[in-house]
Amino acid sequence: MSKVEVVEEPRKLAIRVIKQNHLEIHYFIKPNTPMRLLKRQFARELAMDINKLCFLFGEHFVAFNDTAEKMGLRNLDVIRVFEIAVEQPGVYGVVQKRRTAE
C-alpha cells in the first residue's frame, strides 16, 4: 500500500469589519488571504469607492498586501473602517506613510 498524504486546509477566521455607523459585516478568511480581497468585497457590498475607505486593526493601517497571519488577527477580531471625506484627500496618504514607517 502506498502512503496517502493528507494536506490540511488552513482554518478560516471569522473577522468582524465595522464601519463608523456601527454597520458590522462578518467575513470568513484564510490566514494567508491578502486583505485587498476583504477590502474590495466590503467596498463592493456597500457600493463605496475603496479609495475613500481607511481600514484599521487596532492602531495599524491595513495594507492591501497584509494577511490575517501577518497582522496577528485572531478569530472574531475587529477591523474598523472609516470613510475619508472628499475635503481631506491627503489623509489616506498620511496614514499609509505612518504604516510604512513602523
C-alpha atoms as a PDB file:
ATOM      1  CA  MET A   1       0.000   0.000   0.000  1.00  0.00           C
ATOM      2  CA  SER A   2       1.141   3.497  -0.726  1.00  0.00           C
ATOM      3  CA  LYS A   3       1.026   6.249   1.822  1.00  0.00           C
ATOM      4  CA  VAL A   4      -1.622   8.879   1.317  1.00  0.00           C
ATOM      5  CA  GLU A   5      -0.505  12.353   2.235  1.00  0.00           C
ATOM      6  CA  VAL A   6      -3.214  14.388   3.884  1.00  0.00           C
ATOM      7  CA  VAL A   7      -2.926  18.103   3.280  1.00  0.00           C
ATOM      8  CA  GLU A   8      -4.843  20.043   5.867  1.00  0.00           C
ATOM      9  CA  GLU A   9      -6.634  23.193   4.749  1.00  0.00           C
ATOM     10  CA  PRO A  10      -5.736  26.268   6.796  1.00  0.00           C
ATOM     11  CA  ARG A  11      -8.531  27.081   9.196  1.00  0.00           C
ATOM     12  CA  LYS A  12     -10.716  30.056   8.391  1.00  0.00           C
ATOM     13  CA  LEU A  13     -11.005  33.024  10.712  1.00  0.00           C
ATOM     14  CA  ALA A  14     -14.175  34.977  11.332  1.00  0.00           C
ATOM     15  CA  ILE A  15     -13.238  38.656  11.021  1.00  0.00           C
ATOM     16  CA  ARG A  16     -15.628  41.424  12.031  1.00  0.00           C
ATOM     17  CA  VAL A  17     -15.460  44.560   9.874  1.00  0.00           C
ATOM     18  CA  ILE A  18     -17.219  47.523  11.484  1.00  0.00           C
ATOM     19  CA  LYS A  19     -17.953  50.837   9.772  1.00  0.00           C
ATOM     20  CA  GLN A  20     -18.359  54.183  11.577  1.00  0.00           C
ATOM     21  CA  ASN A  21     -22.156  53.898  11.597  1.00  0.00           C
ATOM     22  CA  HIS A  22     -21.859  50.604  13.527  1.00  0.00           C
ATOM     23  CA  LEU A  23     -22.631  48.509  10.461  1.00  0.00           C
ATOM     24  CA  GLU A  24     -20.935  45.169  11.094  1.00  0.00           C
ATOM     25  CA  ILE A  25     -20.161  42.544   8.452  1.00  0.00           C
ATOM     26  CA  HIS A  26     -18.501  39.207   9.189  1.00  0.00           C
ATOM     27  CA  TYR A  27     -16.064  37.623   6.742  1.00  0.00           C
ATOM     28  CA  PHE A  28     -14.508  34.176   6.858  1.00  0.00           C
ATOM     29  CA  ILE A  29     -10.972  34.271   5.509  1.00  0.00           C
ATOM     30  CA  LYS A  30      -7.930  32.034   5.429  1.00  0.00           C
ATOM     31  CA  PRO A  31      -4.899  33.282   7.398  1.00  0.00           C
ATOM     32  CA  ASN A  32      -2.919  33.844   4.176  1.00  0.00           C
ATOM     33  CA  THR A  33      -5.653  35.733   2.272  1.00  0.00           C
ATOM     34  CA  PRO A  34      -4.493  39.210   1.148  1.00  0.00           C
ATOM     35  CA  MET A  35      -6.529  41.968   2.796  1.00  0.00           C
ATOM     36  CA  ARG A  36      -7.145  43.564  -0.613  1.00  0.00           C
ATOM     37  CA  LEU A  37      -9.774  40.865  -1.225  1.00  0.00           C
ATOM     38  CA  LEU A  38     -11.597  41.656   2.015  1.00  0.00           C
ATOM     39  CA  LYS A  39     -11.345  45.411   1.403  1.00  0.00           C
ATOM     40  CA  ARG A  40     -12.663  45.123  -2.164  1.00  0.00           C
ATOM     41  CA  GLN A  41     -15.546  42.907  -1.088  1.00  0.00           C
ATOM     42  CA  PHE A  42     -16.517  45.305   1.714  1.00  0.00           C
ATOM     43  CA  ALA A  43     -16.469  48.292  -0.654  1.00  0.00           C
ATOM     44  CA  ARG A  44     -18.392  46.349  -3.313  1.00  0.00           C
ATOM     45  CA  GLU A  45     -21.111  45.245  -0.868  1.00  0.00           C
ATOM     46  CA  LEU A  46     -21.672  48.825   0.267  1.00  0.00           C
ATOM     47  CA  ALA A  47     -21.270  50.320  -3.231  1.00  0.00           C
ATOM     48  CA  MET A  48     -18.466  52.570  -1.987  1.00  0.00           C
ATOM     49  CA  ASP A  49     -15.202  53.753  -3.506  1.00  0.00           C
ATOM     50  CA  ILE A  50     -12.428  51.690  -1.919  1.00  0.00           C
ATOM     51  CA  ASN A  51     -10.089  54.700  -2.160  1.00  0.00           C
ATOM     52  CA  LYS A  52     -12.307  56.607   0.271  1.00  0.00           C
ATOM     53  CA  LEU A  53     -12.137  53.937   2.960  1.00  0.00           C
ATOM     54  CA  CYS A  54      -9.457  53.532   5.619  1.00  0.00           C
ATOM     55  CA  PHE A  55      -9.193  50.131   7.343  1.00  0.00           C
ATOM     56  CA  LEU A  56      -7.560  49.933  10.774  1.00  0.00           C
ATOM     57  CA  PHE A  57      -6.752  46.980  13.022  1.00  0.00           C
ATOM     58  CA  GLY A  58      -6.075  48.451  16.430  1.00  0.00           C
ATOM     59  CA  GLU A  59      -3.889  51.449  15.640  1.00  0.00           C
ATOM     60  CA  HIS A  60      -2.417  49.900  12.499  1.00  0.00           C
ATOM     61  CA  PHE A  61      -3.359  50.679   8.922  1.00  0.00           C
ATOM     62  CA  VAL A  62      -4.436  47.590   6.968  1.00  0.00           C
ATOM     63  CA  ALA A  63      -2.465  47.488   3.706  1.00  0.00           C
ATOM     64  CA  PHE A  64      -3.635  45.665   0.585  1.00  0.00           C
ATOM     65  CA  ASN A  65      -0.854  43.065   0.834  1.00  0.00           C
ATOM     66  CA  ASP A  66      -1.300  42.380   4.575  1.00  0.00           C
ATOM     67  CA  THR A  67      -2.670  38.993   5.597  1.00  0.00           C
ATOM     68  CA  ALA A  68      -4.503  37.925   8.746  1.00  0.00           C
ATOM     69  CA  GLU A  69      -1.463  35.874   9.725  1.00  0.00           C
ATOM     70  CA  LYS A  70       0.986  38.749   9.156  1.00  0.00           C
ATOM     71  CA  MET A  71      -1.218  41.133  11.164  1.00  0.00           C
ATOM     72  CA  GLY A  72      -1.784  38.665  14.000  1.00  0.00           C
ATOM     73  CA  LEU A  73      -5.562  38.573  13.526  1.00  0.00           C
ATOM     74  CA  ARG A  74      -7.454  36.027  15.585  1.00  0.00           C
ATOM     75  CA  ASN A  75     -10.977  34.699  15.375  1.00  0.00           C
ATOM     76  CA  LEU A  76     -13.608  37.458  15.820  1.00  0.00           C
ATOM     77  CA  ASP A  77     -11.046  40.290  15.813  1.00  0.00           C
ATOM     78  CA  VAL A  78     -12.342  43.646  14.620  1.00  0.00           C
ATOM     79  CA  ILE A  79     -11.178  45.761  11.692  1.00  0.00           C
ATOM     80  CA  ARG A  80     -12.628  49.269  11.815  1.00  0.00           C
ATOM     81  CA  VAL A  81     -13.457  51.158   8.633  1.00  0.00           C
ATOM     82  CA  PHE A  82     -13.513  54.927   8.369  1.00  0.00           C
ATOM     83  CA  GLU A  83     -14.795  56.930   5.458  1.00  0.00           C
ATOM     84  CA  ILE A  84     -12.420  59.646   4.295  1.00  0.00           C
ATOM     85  CA  ALA A  85     -14.081  62.937   3.475  1.00  0.00           C
ATOM     86  CA  VAL A  86     -13.557  64.321  -0.022  1.00  0.00           C
ATOM     87  CA  GLU A  87     -12.323  67.559   1.557  1.00  0.00           C
ATOM     88  CA  GLN A  88      -9.365  65.676   3.093  1.00  0.00           C
ATOM     89  CA  PRO A  89      -7.768  63.767   0.216  1.00  0.00           C
ATOM     90  CA  GLY A  90      -4.304  63.635   1.817  1.00  0.00           C
ATOM     91  CA  VAL A  91      -5.371  61.820   4.989  1.00  0.00           C
ATOM     92  CA  TYR A  92      -5.165  58.349   3.440  1.00  0.00           C
ATOM     93  CA  GLY A  93      -1.610  59.007   2.274  1.00  0.00           C
ATOM     94  CA  VAL A  94      -0.568  60.201   5.742  1.00  0.00           C
ATOM     95  CA  VAL A  95      -1.948  57.042   7.357  1.00  0.00           C
ATOM     96  CA  GLN A  96      -0.251  54.881   4.746  1.00  0.00           C
ATOM     97  CA  LYS A  97       3.114  56.638   5.271  1.00  0.00           C
ATOM     98  CA  ARG A  98       2.791  56.160   9.032  1.00  0.00           C
ATOM     99  CA  ARG A  99       2.234  52.426   8.494  1.00  0.00           C
ATOM    100  CA  THR A 100       5.351  52.018   6.362  1.00  0.00           C
ATOM    101  CA  ALA A 101       7.468  53.955   8.876  1.00  0.00           C
ATOM    102  CA  GLU A 102       6.681  51.470  11.676  1.00  0.00           C
END
